[in-house]
Amino acid sequence: MTQAEIRAFENAGRTTAVWSGESYDGTTHYADVAKALIPASLILAIATGLLIALL
């Protein structure tokens, strides 16, 4: 394996992906994001409440 091939493999593992909020059909799905964040925020609120209760 050459040095160039090694560099290519190393760089392939470091690609950055940024989620733009748009799906492949071009529409933005904010409702889907909100549906995912609501249960997550409830879980965090319950965990925070339990930690405060322990104090």
N, C-alpha and C. Protein backbone atom coordinates (compact mmCIF):
# COMPACT_ATOMS: atom_id res chain seq x y z
N MET A 1 0.84 -1.17 0.00
CA MET A 1 0.00 0.00 0.00
C MET A 1 0.90 1.24 0.00
N THR A 2 0.57 2.16 -0.86
CA THR A 2 1.38 3.36 -0.97
C THR A 2 0.97 4.40 0.06
N GLN A 3 1.80 5.40 0.22
CA GLN A 3 1.51 6.47 1.17
C GLN A 3 0.25 7.23 0.75
N ALA A 4 0.04 7.40 -0.54
CA ALA A 4 -1.15 8.10 -1.01
C ALA A 4 -2.41 7.33 -0.68
N GLU A 5 -2.38 6.01 -0.78
CA GLU A 5 -3.54 5.19 -0.43
C GLU A 5 -3.83 5.26 1.07
N ILE A 6 -2.79 5.28 1.86
CA ILE A 6 -2.97 5.38 3.31
C ILE A 6 -3.62 6.71 3.66
N ARG A 7 -3.14 7.79 3.05
CA ARG A 7 -3.73 9.11 3.29
C ARG A 7 -5.18 9.15 2.85
N ALA A 8 -5.49 8.52 1.72
CA ALA A 8 -6.87 8.51 1.23
C ALA A 8 -7.79 7.79 2.21
N PHE A 9 -7.34 6.68 2.78
CA PHE A 9 -8.15 5.95 3.76
C PHE A 9 -8.31 6.76 5.05
N GLU A 10 -7.27 7.43 5.48
CA GLU A 10 -7.36 8.23 6.69
C GLU A 10 -8.32 9.40 6.50
N ASN A 11 -8.25 10.05 5.35
CA ASN A 11 -9.13 11.19 5.10
C ASN A 11 -10.57 10.76 4.88
N ALA A 12 -10.79 9.56 4.38
CA ALA A 12 -12.15 9.09 4.17
C ALA A 12 -12.88 8.92 5.49
N GLY A 13 -12.15 8.58 6.54
CA GLY A 13 -12.78 8.42 7.85
C GLY A 13 -13.05 9.72 8.55
N ARG A 14 -12.55 10.82 8.03
CA ARG A 14 -12.71 12.12 8.68
C ARG A 14 -13.66 13.05 7.95
N THR A 15 -14.49 12.53 7.09
CA THR A 15 -15.40 13.41 6.39
C THR A 15 -16.42 13.96 7.37
N THR A 16 -16.79 15.21 7.19
CA THR A 16 -17.76 15.84 8.08
C THR A 16 -19.10 15.90 7.37
N ALA A 17 -20.12 15.57 8.11
CA ALA A 17 -21.48 15.63 7.58
C ALA A 17 -22.27 16.61 8.43
N VAL A 18 -22.96 17.53 7.79
CA VAL A 18 -23.75 18.52 8.50
C VAL A 18 -25.20 18.32 8.10
N TRP A 19 -26.07 18.22 9.10
CA TRP A 19 -27.49 18.05 8.82
C TRP A 19 -28.08 19.42 8.59
N SER A 20 -28.67 19.61 7.45
CA SER A 20 -29.21 20.92 7.10
C SER A 20 -30.67 21.06 7.45
N GLY A 21 -31.33 20.00 7.89
CA GLY A 21 -32.74 20.09 8.23
C GLY A 21 -33.64 19.81 7.05
N GLU A 22 -33.07 19.58 5.89
CA GLU A 22 -33.88 19.27 4.72
C GLU A 22 -33.67 17.82 4.33
N SER A 23 -34.74 17.19 3.94
CA SER A 23 -34.63 15.81 3.50
C SER A 23 -34.38 15.79 2.00
N TYR A 24 -34.35 14.61 1.46
CA TYR A 24 -34.05 14.49 0.04
C TYR A 24 -35.15 15.06 -0.84
N ASP A 25 -36.36 15.19 -0.31
CA ASP A 25 -37.44 15.75 -1.13
C ASP A 25 -37.44 17.28 -1.11
N GLY A 26 -36.54 17.89 -0.37
CA GLY A 26 -36.39 19.34 -0.39
C GLY A 26 -37.24 20.06 0.64
N THR A 27 -38.07 19.35 1.38
CA THR A 27 -38.90 20.02 2.38
C THR A 27 -38.23 19.93 3.74
N THR A 28 -38.54 20.90 4.57
CA THR A 28 -37.98 20.94 5.91
C THR A 28 -38.97 20.29 6.86
N HIS A 29 -38.48 19.40 7.72
CA HIS A 29 -39.36 18.62 8.59
C HIS A 29 -39.16 19.05 10.05
N TYR A 30 -39.62 20.26 10.36
CA TYR A 30 -39.48 20.75 11.73
C TYR A 30 -40.39 20.01 12.69
N ALA A 31 -41.53 19.55 12.23
CA ALA A 31 -42.45 18.82 13.10
C ALA A 31 -41.83 17.51 13.56
N ASP A 32 -41.10 16.85 12.68
CA ASP A 32 -40.44 15.60 13.05
C ASP A 32 -39.35 15.85 14.09
N VAL A 33 -38.65 16.96 13.94
CA VAL A 33 -37.60 17.30 14.91
C VAL A 33 -38.24 17.61 16.26
N ALA A 34 -39.35 18.33 16.26
CA ALA A 34 -40.04 18.65 17.51
C ALA A 34 -40.56 17.39 18.18
N LYS A 35 -41.07 16.44 17.38
CA LYS A 35 -41.55 15.18 17.95
C LYS A 35 -40.42 14.40 18.61
N ALA A 36 -39.23 14.54 18.11
CA ALA A 36 -38.09 13.84 18.71
C ALA A 36 -37.58 14.58 19.94
N LEU A 37 -37.67 15.90 19.96
CA LEU A 37 -37.14 16.67 21.07
C LEU A 37 -38.05 16.67 22.30
N ILE A 38 -39.35 16.53 22.10
CA ILE A 38 -40.27 16.57 23.24
C ILE A 38 -40.01 15.42 24.21
N PRO A 39 -39.94 14.16 23.77
CA PRO A 39 -39.64 13.10 24.74
C PRO A 39 -38.25 13.24 25.36
N ALA A 40 -37.30 13.70 24.57
CA ALA A 40 -35.94 13.88 25.11
C ALA A 40 -35.94 14.94 26.20
N SER A 41 -36.64 16.04 26.01
CA SER A 41 -36.68 17.08 27.02
C SER A 41 -37.43 16.61 28.26
N LEU A 42 -38.46 15.78 28.09
CA LEU A 42 -39.16 15.24 29.25
C LEU A 42 -38.26 14.32 30.07
N ILE A 43 -37.49 13.51 29.39
CA ILE A 43 -36.56 12.62 30.10
C ILE A 43 -35.52 13.44 30.86
N LEU A 44 -35.01 14.49 30.23
CA LEU A 44 -34.03 15.35 30.92
C LEU A 44 -34.65 16.07 32.10
N ALA A 45 -35.89 16.50 31.97
CA ALA A 45 -36.56 17.18 33.08
C ALA A 45 -36.79 16.23 34.25
N ILE A 46 -37.18 14.99 33.97
CA ILE A 46 -37.38 14.01 35.03
C ILE A 46 -36.06 13.69 35.72
N ALA A 47 -35.00 13.51 34.93
CA ALA A 47 -33.69 13.22 35.51
C ALA A 47 -33.21 14.39 36.37
N THR A 48 -33.46 15.61 35.92
CA THR A 48 -33.07 16.78 36.71
C THR A 48 -33.85 16.83 38.02
N GLY A 49 -35.13 16.55 37.93
CA GLY A 49 -35.96 16.54 39.14
C GLY A 49 -35.50 15.50 40.13
N LEU A 50 -35.12 14.33 39.64
CA LEU A 50 -34.63 13.29 40.55
C LEU A 50 -33.31 13.68 41.20
N LEU A 51 -32.44 14.30 40.43
CA LEU A 51 -31.16 14.75 41.00
C LEU A 51 -31.35 15.84 42.04
N ILE A 52 -32.27 16.74 41.78
CA ILE A 52 -32.55 17.81 42.76
C ILE A 52 -33.18 17.22 44.01
N ALA A 53 -34.02 16.19 43.86
CA ALA A 53 -34.64 15.55 45.01
C ALA A 53 -33.61 14.85 45.88
N LEU A 54 -32.53 14.39 45.28
CA LEU A 54 -31.48 13.73 46.05
C LEU A 54 -30.69 14.70 46.91
N LEU A 55 -30.68 15.97 46.52
CA LEU A 55 -29.94 16.97 47.29
C LEU A 55 -30.70 17.26 48.54
